[in-house]
Amino acid sequence: MKALVFGHSGQVATELRALDGDDVQITALARAEADLTDPAICAAAINAHAPNAVINAAAYTAVDKAESDAETAQVINADAPAAMAQACAARDIPFVSISTDYVFSGAGDTPWSPADPTDPQGVYGRTKRDGEIAIVNAGGRYAVLRTSWVVSAHGNNFVKTMLRLGAERESLTIVADQIGGPTGAAEIARACIKIAKTLVSEPEKSGIYHFSGAPDTSWADFARAIFVAAEIACDVTDIPSDDYPTLAKRPLNSRLDCTATEAAFGISRPDWRVSLTHILAQLDFTKD
């Protein structure tokens, strides 16, 4: 399968590039090759490369900055995926696009199912939700894969931040009332490939799906697990989200019900503790 990937240096795009081989040929487009602020260029790239499937691993993910840059976020997170989905529908090829738990309100403590009503609380979530709607309306073979708390050995993420801060400080205060599933970018990449391959022969499985690491945890407990695994002596004190104000509201409940994904594609929730072990090994935080 020839897969065209939008995104090049992001966490998931980097892991997708690592999957390039005999079974899957990955062509990943950097911003210079396909600027998502110009949706027409994205559609043209699909037509020029003529892939068997397209994966959108690029997005405007600066959650706080989006609050004051809504127009750009809308183009990148909604208009560009819409153009991609329409181009894929015209060629009758699968389109897999990564979305987010931020499309939900974050209320309650029940895992969100793909069919639950969306209620984004900020610009980032709203623009990602608009992108989802556009992809569905394009009418082609598609999968919107909502995920949460993405981590890897690449780019900026919670694991790398904790490793840096834990080495610098004896203690940290970490939010404990936001609950979700940390998800390895490598696992997301493999899921995207499997879903794309399935949609080639089973277009009836098009839809919105969830994929997140297990078990669900808090940011504070995740930080503790990182420090234990990396053998860093740093105490963690729980705090509520109200003690760590941000421009954009973070969802308290990021739990995702992933049963439909397992039923349709045979993809189960990955254990984030295993993912963390692999990430630390890549970063050379291995135990003797």
C-alpha atoms as a PDB file:
ATOM      1  CA  MET A   1       0.000   0.000   0.000  1.00  0.00           C
ATOM      2  CA  LYS A   2       1.234   3.463  -0.896  1.00  0.00           C
ATOM      3  CA  ALA A   3       0.236   5.867   1.874  1.00  0.00           C
ATOM      4  CA  LEU A   4       0.497   9.627   1.600  1.00  0.00           C
ATOM      5  CA  VAL A   5       0.943  11.275   4.994  1.00  0.00           C
ATOM      6  CA  PHE A   6       0.280  14.923   5.741  1.00  0.00           C
ATOM      7  CA  GLY A   7       2.780  15.876   8.413  1.00  0.00           C
ATOM      8  CA  HIS A   8       6.471  15.051   8.628  1.00  0.00           C
ATOM      9  CA  SER A   9       8.131  15.946  11.915  1.00  0.00           C
ATOM     10  CA  GLY A  10       5.191  15.652  14.313  1.00  0.00           C
ATOM     11  CA  GLN A  11       4.946  12.793  16.775  1.00  0.00           C
ATOM     12  CA  VAL A  12       2.632  10.527  14.786  1.00  0.00           C
ATOM     13  CA  ALA A  13       4.068  11.495  11.393  1.00  0.00           C
ATOM     14  CA  THR A  14       7.557  10.611  12.627  1.00  0.00           C
ATOM     15  CA  GLU A  15       6.331   7.194  13.734  1.00  0.00           C
ATOM     16  CA  LEU A  16       4.511   6.708  10.429  1.00  0.00           C
ATOM     17  CA  ARG A  17       7.733   7.411   8.527  1.00  0.00           C
ATOM     18  CA  ALA A  18       9.409   4.719  10.623  1.00  0.00           C
ATOM     19  CA  LEU A  19       6.884   2.184   9.265  1.00  0.00           C
ATOM     20  CA  ASP A  20       8.017   2.684   5.674  1.00  0.00           C
ATOM     21  CA  GLY A  21       8.954  -0.692   4.196  1.00  0.00           C
ATOM     22  CA  ASP A  22       8.014  -3.403   1.734  1.00  0.00           C
ATOM     23  CA  ASP A  23       4.439  -3.735   2.951  1.00  0.00           C
ATOM     24  CA  VAL A  24       3.717  -0.014   3.221  1.00  0.00           C
ATOM     25  CA  GLN A  25       5.422   2.763   1.314  1.00  0.00           C
ATOM     26  CA  ILE A  26       5.152   6.024   3.226  1.00  0.00           C
ATOM     27  CA  THR A  27       5.466   9.431   1.601  1.00  0.00           C
ATOM     28  CA  ALA A  28       5.310  12.123   4.283  1.00  0.00           C
ATOM     29  CA  LEU A  29       4.790  15.728   3.262  1.00  0.00           C
ATOM     30  CA  ALA A  30       6.393  18.531   5.241  1.00  0.00           C
ATOM     31  CA  ARG A  31       4.896  22.012   5.398  1.00  0.00           C
ATOM     32  CA  ALA A  32       7.069  23.174   2.492  1.00  0.00           C
ATOM     33  CA  GLU A  33       5.520  20.461   0.321  1.00  0.00           C
ATOM     34  CA  ALA A  34       1.924  20.804   1.501  1.00  0.00           C
ATOM     35  CA  ASP A  35       1.052  23.824   3.615  1.00  0.00           C
ATOM     36  CA  LEU A  36      -2.218  23.104   5.398  1.00  0.00           C
ATOM     37  CA  THR A  37      -3.053  26.805   5.396  1.00  0.00           C
ATOM     38  CA  ASP A  38      -3.739  26.297   1.662  1.00  0.00           C
ATOM     39  CA  PRO A  39      -6.310  23.477   1.388  1.00  0.00           C
ATOM     40  CA  ALA A  40      -6.159  23.486  -2.421  1.00  0.00           C
ATOM     41  CA  ILE A  41      -2.478  22.542  -2.277  1.00  0.00           C
ATOM     42  CA  CYS A  42      -3.363  19.567  -0.058  1.00  0.00           C
ATOM     43  CA  ALA A  43      -5.936  18.304  -2.545  1.00  0.00           C
ATOM     44  CA  ALA A  44      -3.490  18.803  -5.414  1.00  0.00           C
ATOM     45  CA  ALA A  45      -0.830  16.791  -3.573  1.00  0.00           C
ATOM     46  CA  ILE A  46      -3.193  13.828  -3.297  1.00  0.00           C
ATOM     47  CA  ASN A  47      -3.900  13.930  -7.005  1.00  0.00           C
ATOM     48  CA  ALA A  48      -0.209  14.309  -7.855  1.00  0.00           C
ATOM     49  CA  HIS A  49       0.998  11.407  -5.700  1.00  0.00           C
ATOM     50  CA  ALA A  50      -1.924   9.092  -6.517  1.00  0.00           C
ATOM     51  CA  PRO A  51      -1.636   7.057  -3.267  1.00  0.00           C
ATOM     52  CA  ASN A  52      -3.699   4.049  -2.182  1.00  0.00           C
ATOM     53  CA  ALA A  53      -4.574   5.798   1.074  1.00  0.00           C
ATOM     54  CA  VAL A  54      -4.078   9.148   2.812  1.00  0.00           C
ATOM     55  CA  ILE A  55      -3.369   9.746   6.500  1.00  0.00           C
ATOM     56  CA  ASN A  56      -3.680  13.218   7.984  1.00  0.00           C
ATOM     57  CA  ALA A  57      -1.252  13.410  10.901  1.00  0.00           C
ATOM     58  CA  ALA A  58      -0.900  17.202  10.784  1.00  0.00           C
ATOM     59  CA  ALA A  59      -2.920  19.679  12.828  1.00  0.00           C
ATOM     60  CA  TYR A  60      -2.925  22.994  14.643  1.00  0.00           C
ATOM     61  CA  THR A  61      -2.306  21.620  18.138  1.00  0.00           C
ATOM     62  CA  ALA A  62      -1.283  24.747  20.074  1.00  0.00           C
ATOM     63  CA  VAL A  63      -4.387  24.596  22.249  1.00  0.00           C
ATOM     64  CA  ASP A  64      -3.895  27.900  24.076  1.00  0.00           C
ATOM     65  CA  LYS A  65      -2.610  29.842  21.075  1.00  0.00           C
ATOM     66  CA  ALA A  66      -5.666  28.757  19.079  1.00  0.00           C
ATOM     67  CA  GLU A  67      -7.847  30.902  21.338  1.00  0.00           C
ATOM     68  CA  SER A  68      -6.356  34.016  19.733  1.00  0.00           C
ATOM     69  CA  ASP A  69      -5.635  32.479  16.325  1.00  0.00           C
ATOM     70  CA  ALA A  70      -8.969  30.897  15.515  1.00  0.00           C
ATOM     71  CA  GLU A  71      -8.872  31.660  11.799  1.00  0.00           C
ATOM     72  CA  THR A  72      -5.629  29.764  11.215  1.00  0.00           C
ATOM     73  CA  ALA A  73      -6.753  26.877  13.411  1.00  0.00           C
ATOM     74  CA  GLN A  74      -9.978  26.643  11.418  1.00  0.00           C
ATOM     75  CA  VAL A  75      -8.159  26.414   8.103  1.00  0.00           C
ATOM     76  CA  ILE A  76      -5.645  23.805   9.286  1.00  0.00           C
ATOM     77  CA  ASN A  77      -7.981  21.681  11.413  1.00  0.00           C
ATOM     78  CA  ALA A  78     -11.181  21.908   9.359  1.00  0.00           C
ATOM     79  CA  ASP A  79     -10.766  23.352   5.863  1.00  0.00           C
ATOM     80  CA  ALA A  80      -7.624  21.387   4.950  1.00  0.00           C
ATOM     81  CA  PRO A  81      -8.995  17.999   6.092  1.00  0.00           C
ATOM     82  CA  ALA A  82     -12.192  18.793   4.198  1.00  0.00           C
ATOM     83  CA  ALA A  83     -10.205  19.308   1.000  1.00  0.00           C
ATOM     84  CA  MET A  84      -8.221  16.123   1.633  1.00  0.00           C
ATOM     85  CA  ALA A  85     -11.371  14.096   2.277  1.00  0.00           C
ATOM     86  CA  GLN A  86     -13.022  15.404  -0.889  1.00  0.00           C
ATOM     87  CA  ALA A  87      -9.962  14.566  -2.979  1.00  0.00           C
ATOM     88  CA  CYS A  88      -9.853  11.058  -1.486  1.00  0.00           C
ATOM     89  CA  ALA A  89     -13.564  10.555  -2.080  1.00  0.00           C
ATOM     90  CA  ALA A  90     -13.121  11.549  -5.727  1.00  0.00           C
ATOM     91  CA  ARG A  91     -10.369   8.919  -6.082  1.00  0.00           C
ATOM     92  CA  ASP A  92     -12.276   6.365  -3.953  1.00  0.00           C
ATOM     93  CA  ILE A  93      -9.350   5.815  -1.568  1.00  0.00           C
ATOM     94  CA  PRO A  94      -9.348   5.671   2.250  1.00  0.00           C
ATOM     95  CA  PHE A  95      -8.735   8.815   4.260  1.00  0.00           C
ATOM     96  CA  VAL A  96      -7.690   8.451   7.910  1.00  0.00           C
ATOM     97  CA  SER A  97      -7.534  11.609   9.998  1.00  0.00           C
ATOM     98  CA  ILE A  98      -6.459  11.936  13.627  1.00  0.00           C
ATOM     99  CA  SER A  99      -8.755  13.862  15.948  1.00  0.00           C
ATOM    100  CA  THR A 100      -9.005  14.508  19.656  1.00  0.00           C
ATOM    101  CA  ASP A 101     -10.866  14.073  22.929  1.00  0.00           C
ATOM    102  CA  TYR A 102     -11.200  17.879  22.976  1.00  0.00           C
ATOM    103  CA  VAL A 103     -14.312  17.600  20.784  1.00  0.00           C
ATOM    104  CA  PHE A 104     -16.181  16.602  23.969  1.00  0.00           C
ATOM    105  CA  SER A 105     -17.174  18.750  26.942  1.00  0.00           C
ATOM    106  CA  GLY A 106     -14.985  16.840  29.381  1.00  0.00           C
ATOM    107  CA  ALA A 107     -17.847  16.470  31.840  1.00  0.00           C
ATOM    108  CA  GLY A 108     -18.680  13.408  33.926  1.00  0.00           C
ATOM    109  CA  ASP A 109     -16.598  10.287  34.388  1.00  0.00           C
ATOM    110  CA  THR A 110     -18.032   7.904  31.774  1.00  0.00           C
ATOM    111  CA  PRO A 111     -15.799   7.087  28.778  1.00  0.00           C
ATOM    112  CA  TRP A 112     -16.921   8.932  25.679  1.00  0.00           C
ATOM    113  CA  SER A 113     -18.265   6.769  22.859  1.00  0.00           C
ATOM    114  CA  PRO A 114     -17.906   7.799  19.195  1.00  0.00           C
ATOM    115  CA  ALA A 115     -21.664   8.431  18.989  1.00  0.00           C
ATOM    116  CA  ASP A 116     -21.806  10.781  21.972  1.00  0.00           C
ATOM    117  CA  PRO A 117     -22.739  14.412  21.186  1.00  0.00           C
ATOM    118  CA  THR A 118     -19.742  16.681  20.807  1.00  0.00           C
ATOM    119  CA  ASP A 119     -19.471  19.875  22.823  1.00  0.00           C
ATOM    120  CA  PRO A 120     -16.005  21.408  22.431  1.00  0.00           C
ATOM    121  CA  GLN A 121     -15.082  23.996  25.055  1.00  0.00           C
ATOM    122  CA  GLY A 122     -12.438  25.889  23.064  1.00  0.00           C
ATOM    123  CA  VAL A 123     -11.225  26.841  19.615  1.00  0.00           C
ATOM    124  CA  TYR A 124      -8.972  23.808  19.193  1.00  0.00           C
ATOM    125  CA  GLY A 125     -11.756  21.336  19.947  1.00  0.00           C
ATOM    126  CA  ARG A 126     -14.276  23.240  17.867  1.00  0.00           C
ATOM    127  CA  THR A 127     -12.062  23.358  14.789  1.00  0.00           C
ATOM    128  CA  LYS A 128     -11.226  19.660  15.105  1.00  0.00           C
ATOM    129  CA  ARG A 129     -14.957  18.901  15.425  1.00  0.00           C
ATOM    130  CA  ASP A 130     -15.654  20.969  12.292  1.00  0.00           C
ATOM    131  CA  GLY A 131     -12.999  18.957  10.484  1.00  0.00           C
ATOM    132  CA  GLU A 132     -14.681  15.712  11.540  1.00  0.00           C
ATOM    133  CA  ILE A 133     -18.022  16.883  10.167  1.00  0.00           C
ATOM    134  CA  ALA A 134     -16.443  17.885   6.847  1.00  0.00           C
ATOM    135  CA  ILE A 135     -14.732  14.498   6.507  1.00  0.00           C
ATOM    136  CA  VAL A 136     -17.996  12.639   7.087  1.00  0.00           C
ATOM    137  CA  ASN A 137     -19.832  14.886   4.632  1.00  0.00           C
ATOM    138  CA  ALA A 138     -17.255  14.264   1.895  1.00  0.00           C
ATOM    139  CA  GLY A 139     -18.896  10.885   1.407  1.00  0.00           C
ATOM    140  CA  GLY A 140     -15.793   8.775   0.817  1.00  0.00           C
ATOM    141  CA  ARG A 141     -14.022   5.950   2.638  1.00  0.00           C
ATOM    142  CA  TYR A 142     -12.853   7.463   5.895  1.00  0.00           C
ATOM    143  CA  ALA A 143     -11.927   6.960   9.510  1.00  0.00           C
ATOM    144  CA  VAL A 144     -11.710   9.747  12.053  1.00  0.00           C
ATOM    145  CA  LEU A 145      -9.520   8.427  14.862  1.00  0.00           C
ATOM    146  CA  ARG A 146      -9.945  10.375  18.086  1.00  0.00           C
ATOM    147  CA  THR A 147      -7.093   9.948  20.527  1.00  0.00           C
ATOM    148  CA  SER A 148      -5.698  11.574  23.661  1.00  0.00           C
ATOM    149  CA  TRP A 149      -2.527  12.505  25.543  1.00  0.00           C
ATOM    150  CA  VAL A 150      -0.094  11.643  22.745  1.00  0.00           C
ATOM    151  CA  VAL A 151       3.466  10.850  23.853  1.00  0.00           C
ATOM    152  CA  SER A 152       6.655   9.703  22.156  1.00  0.00           C
ATOM    153  CA  ALA A 153      10.404  10.207  22.082  1.00  0.00           C
ATOM    154  CA  HIS A 154       9.872  12.971  19.518  1.00  0.00           C
ATOM    155  CA  GLY A 155       8.751  16.574  19.662  1.00  0.00           C
ATOM    156  CA  ASN A 156       7.197  18.154  22.733  1.00  0.00           C
ATOM    157  CA  ASN A 157       5.010  16.083  25.031  1.00  0.00           C
ATOM    158  CA  PHE A 158       4.301  15.324  28.683  1.00  0.00           C
ATOM    159  CA  VAL A 159       6.851  12.530  29.049  1.00  0.00           C
ATOM    160  CA  LYS A 160       9.723  14.648  27.784  1.00  0.00           C
ATOM    161  CA  THR A 161       8.616  17.626  29.870  1.00  0.00           C
ATOM    162  CA  MET A 162       8.489  15.511  33.026  1.00  0.00           C
ATOM    163  CA  LEU A 163      11.926  14.025  32.353  1.00  0.00           C
ATOM    164  CA  ARG A 164      13.366  17.519  32.002  1.00  0.00           C
ATOM    165  CA  LEU A 165      11.611  19.040  35.009  1.00  0.00           C
ATOM    166  CA  GLY A 166      12.134  15.975  37.175  1.00  0.00           C
ATOM    167  CA  ALA A 167      15.877  16.214  36.625  1.00  0.00           C
ATOM    168  CA  GLU A 168      15.852  19.892  37.575  1.00  0.00           C
ATOM    169  CA  ARG A 169      13.572  19.891  40.631  1.00  0.00           C
ATOM    170  CA  GLU A 170      12.964  17.871  43.786  1.00  0.00           C
ATOM    171  CA  SER A 171       9.191  18.207  43.604  1.00  0.00           C
ATOM    172  CA  LEU A 172       6.417  19.209  41.200  1.00  0.00           C
ATOM    173  CA  THR A 173       2.734  20.064  41.469  1.00  0.00           C
ATOM    174  CA  ILE A 174       0.724  18.241  38.808  1.00  0.00           C
ATOM    175  CA  VAL A 175      -2.966  18.371  37.915  1.00  0.00           C
ATOM    176  CA  ALA A 176      -4.792  15.318  39.275  1.00  0.00           C
ATOM    177  CA  ASP A 177      -8.435  15.882  38.284  1.00  0.00           C
ATOM    178  CA  GLN A 178      -7.962  15.442  34.531  1.00  0.00           C
ATOM    179  CA  ILE A 179      -8.336  11.757  33.642  1.00  0.00           C
ATOM    180  CA  GLY A 180      -7.480  10.112  30.330  1.00  0.00           C
ATOM    181  CA  GLY A 181      -5.419   7.556  28.502  1.00  0.00           C
ATOM    182  CA  PRO A 182      -1.818   8.379  27.551  1.00  0.00           C
ATOM    183  CA  THR A 183      -1.285   7.114  24.008  1.00  0.00           C
ATOM    184  CA  GLY A 184       1.989   6.292  22.295  1.00  0.00           C
ATOM    185  CA  ALA A 185       2.445   7.914  18.889  1.00  0.00           C
ATOM    186  CA  ALA A 186       3.941   4.662  17.613  1.00  0.00           C
ATOM    187  CA  GLU A 187       0.757   2.807  18.516  1.00  0.00           C
ATOM    188  CA  ILE A 188      -1.364   5.489  16.834  1.00  0.00           C
ATOM    189  CA  ALA A 189       0.722   5.196  13.678  1.00  0.00           C
ATOM    190  CA  ARG A 190       0.296   1.428  13.527  1.00  0.00           C
ATOM    191  CA  ALA A 191      -3.441   1.791  14.127  1.00  0.00           C
ATOM    192  CA  CYS A 192      -3.741   4.294  11.271  1.00  0.00           C
ATOM    193  CA  ILE A 193      -2.015   1.920   8.858  1.00  0.00           C
ATOM    194  CA  LYS A 194      -4.184  -1.032   9.876  1.00  0.00           C
ATOM    195  CA  ILE A 195      -7.358   1.033   9.548  1.00  0.00           C
ATOM    196  CA  ALA A 196      -6.330   2.359   6.131  1.00  0.00           C
ATOM    197  CA  LYS A 197      -5.578  -1.155   4.873  1.00  0.00           C
ATOM    198  CA  THR A 198      -8.932  -2.398   6.135  1.00  0.00           C
ATOM    199  CA  LEU A 199     -10.854   0.416   4.469  1.00  0.00           C
ATOM    200  CA  VAL A 200      -9.325  -0.497   1.107  1.00  0.00           C
ATOM    201  CA  SER A 201     -11.332  -3.732   1.085  1.00  0.00           C
ATOM    202  CA  GLU A 202     -14.056  -2.925   3.610  1.00  0.00           C
ATOM    203  CA  PRO A 203     -15.301   0.627   2.969  1.00  0.00           C
ATOM    204  CA  GLU A 204     -18.431  -0.118   4.990  1.00  0.00           C
ATOM    205  CA  LYS A 205     -16.290   0.233   8.123  1.00  0.00           C
ATOM    206  CA  SER A 206     -15.948   3.969   7.527  1.00  0.00           C
ATOM    207  CA  GLY A 207     -16.763   5.977  10.624  1.00  0.00           C
ATOM    208  CA  ILE A 208     -15.554   7.748  13.741  1.00  0.00           C
ATOM    209  CA  TYR A 209     -13.459   5.695  16.161  1.00  0.00           C
ATOM    210  CA  HIS A 210     -11.598   6.107  19.441  1.00  0.00           C
ATOM    211  CA  PHE A 211      -8.098   4.961  20.343  1.00  0.00           C
ATOM    212  CA  SER A 212      -6.294   5.683  23.605  1.00  0.00           C
ATOM    213  CA  GLY A 213      -3.877   4.006  25.963  1.00  0.00           C
ATOM    214  CA  ALA A 214      -4.933   2.022  29.010  1.00  0.00           C
ATOM    215  CA  PRO A 215      -5.460   2.145  31.910  1.00  0.00           C
ATOM    216  CA  ASP A 216      -6.964   5.588  32.319  1.00  0.00           C
ATOM    217  CA  THR A 217      -4.993   7.718  34.752  1.00  0.00           C
ATOM    218  CA  SER A 218      -4.439  11.283  35.927  1.00  0.00           C
ATOM    219  CA  TRP A 219      -1.623  13.551  34.823  1.00  0.00           C
ATOM    220  CA  ALA A 220      -0.242  13.401  38.371  1.00  0.00           C
ATOM    221  CA  ASP A 221      -0.200   9.605  38.474  1.00  0.00           C
ATOM    222  CA  PHE A 222       1.240   9.489  34.969  1.00  0.00           C
ATOM    223  CA  ALA A 223       4.053  11.767  36.136  1.00  0.00           C
ATOM    224  CA  ARG A 224       4.734   9.461  39.081  1.00  0.00           C
ATOM    225  CA  ALA A 225       4.930   6.478  36.730  1.00  0.00           C
ATOM    226  CA  ILE A 226       7.380   8.341  34.499  1.00  0.00           C
ATOM    227  CA  PHE A 227       9.648   9.159  37.436  1.00  0.00           C
ATOM    228  CA  VAL A 228       9.593   5.597  38.727  1.00  0.00           C
ATOM    229  CA  ALA A 229      10.340   4.132  35.296  1.00  0.00           C
ATOM    230  CA  ALA A 230      13.157   6.625  34.678  1.00  0.00           C
ATOM    231  CA  GLU A 231      14.482   6.310  38.255  1.00  0.00           C
ATOM    232  CA  ILE A 232      14.135  10.033  38.893  1.00  0.00           C
ATOM    233  CA  ALA A 233      13.699  11.175  42.485  1.00  0.00           C
ATOM    234  CA  CYS A 234      11.008  13.827  42.185  1.00  0.00           C
ATOM    235  CA  ASP A 235       7.973  14.098  44.454  1.00  0.00           C
ATOM    236  CA  VAL A 236       4.571  14.845  42.909  1.00  0.00           C
ATOM    237  CA  THR A 237       1.871  16.805  44.717  1.00  0.00           C
ATOM    238  CA  ASP A 238      -1.687  16.633  43.357  1.00  0.00           C
ATOM    239  CA  ILE A 239      -3.442  19.883  42.499  1.00  0.00           C
ATOM    240  CA  PRO A 240      -6.823  20.677  40.905  1.00  0.00           C
ATOM    241  CA  SER A 241      -7.016  22.195  37.428  1.00  0.00           C
ATOM    242  CA  ASP A 242      -8.195  25.464  38.958  1.00  0.00           C
ATOM    243  CA  ASP A 243      -4.743  25.866  40.496  1.00  0.00           C
ATOM    244  CA  TYR A 244      -3.139  25.685  37.048  1.00  0.00           C
ATOM    245  CA  PRO A 245      -5.169  28.100  34.875  1.00  0.00           C
ATOM    246  CA  THR A 246      -4.692  28.038  31.099  1.00  0.00           C
ATOM    247  CA  LEU A 247      -6.116  30.146  28.289  1.00  0.00           C
ATOM    248  CA  ALA A 248      -8.048  27.176  26.913  1.00  0.00           C
ATOM    249  CA  LYS A 249     -10.118  24.930  29.148  1.00  0.00           C
ATOM    250  CA  ARG A 250      -8.786  21.380  29.431  1.00  0.00           C
ATOM    251  CA  PRO A 251     -11.288  18.511  29.626  1.00  0.00           C
ATOM    252  CA  LEU A 252     -11.488  16.850  33.031  1.00  0.00           C
ATOM    253  CA  ASN A 253     -12.825  13.654  31.487  1.00  0.00           C
ATOM    254  CA  SER A 254     -10.763  12.482  28.520  1.00  0.00           C
ATOM    255  CA  ARG A 255     -11.702   8.811  28.886  1.00  0.00           C
ATOM    256  CA  LEU A 256     -12.467   7.234  25.492  1.00  0.00           C
ATOM    257  CA  ASP A 257     -14.542   4.130  24.840  1.00  0.00           C
ATOM    258  CA  CYS A 258     -12.486   2.216  22.277  1.00  0.00           C
ATOM    259  CA  THR A 259     -14.619  -0.918  21.946  1.00  0.00           C
ATOM    260  CA  ALA A 260     -15.851  -0.049  18.430  1.00  0.00           C
ATOM    261  CA  THR A 261     -12.264   0.219  17.207  1.00  0.00           C
ATOM    262  CA  GLU A 262     -11.422  -3.228  18.513  1.00  0.00           C
ATOM    263  CA  ALA A 263     -14.600  -4.703  17.046  1.00  0.00           C
ATOM    264  CA  ALA A 264     -14.084  -3.214  13.585  1.00  0.00           C
ATOM    265  CA  PHE A 265     -10.308  -3.478  13.200  1.00  0.00           C
ATOM    266  CA  GLY A 266      -9.065  -5.838  15.911  1.00  0.00           C
ATOM    267  CA  ILE A 267      -7.087  -3.011  17.497  1.00  0.00           C
ATOM    268  CA  SER A 268      -7.129  -3.091  21.295  1.00  0.00           C
ATOM    269  CA  ARG A 269      -6.138  -0.311  23.659  1.00  0.00           C
ATOM    270  CA  PRO A 270      -2.359  -0.328  24.122  1.00  0.00           C
ATOM    271  CA  ASP A 271      -0.888  -0.405  27.628  1.00  0.00           C
ATOM    272  CA  TRP A 272       0.718   3.012  28.055  1.00  0.00           C
ATOM    273  CA  ARG A 273       3.161   1.555  30.570  1.00  0.00           C
ATOM    274  CA  VAL A 274       4.630  -0.570  27.768  1.00  0.00           C
ATOM    275  CA  SER A 275       4.681   2.467  25.478  1.00  0.00           C
ATOM    276  CA  LEU A 276       6.479   4.441  28.197  1.00  0.00           C
ATOM    277  CA  THR A 277       9.143   1.747  28.496  1.00  0.00           C
ATOM    278  CA  HIS A 278       9.821   1.947  24.756  1.00  0.00           C
ATOM    279  CA  ILE A 279       9.922   5.747  24.816  1.00  0.00           C
ATOM    280  CA  LEU A 280      12.383   5.818  27.703  1.00  0.00           C
ATOM    281  CA  ALA A 281      14.585   3.296  25.892  1.00  0.00           C
ATOM    282  CA  GLN A 282      14.641   5.538  22.822  1.00  0.00           C
ATOM    283  CA  LEU A 283      15.608   8.459  25.045  1.00  0.00           C
ATOM    284  CA  ASP A 284      18.231   6.322  26.805  1.00  0.00           C
ATOM    285  CA  PHE A 285      16.470   6.421  30.182  1.00  0.00           C
ATOM    286  CA  THR A 286      16.969   2.708  30.683  1.00  0.00           C
ATOM    287  CA  LYS A 287      17.567   0.915  33.952  1.00  0.00           C
ATOM    288  CA  ASP A 288      20.871  -0.885  34.475  1.00  0.00           C
END
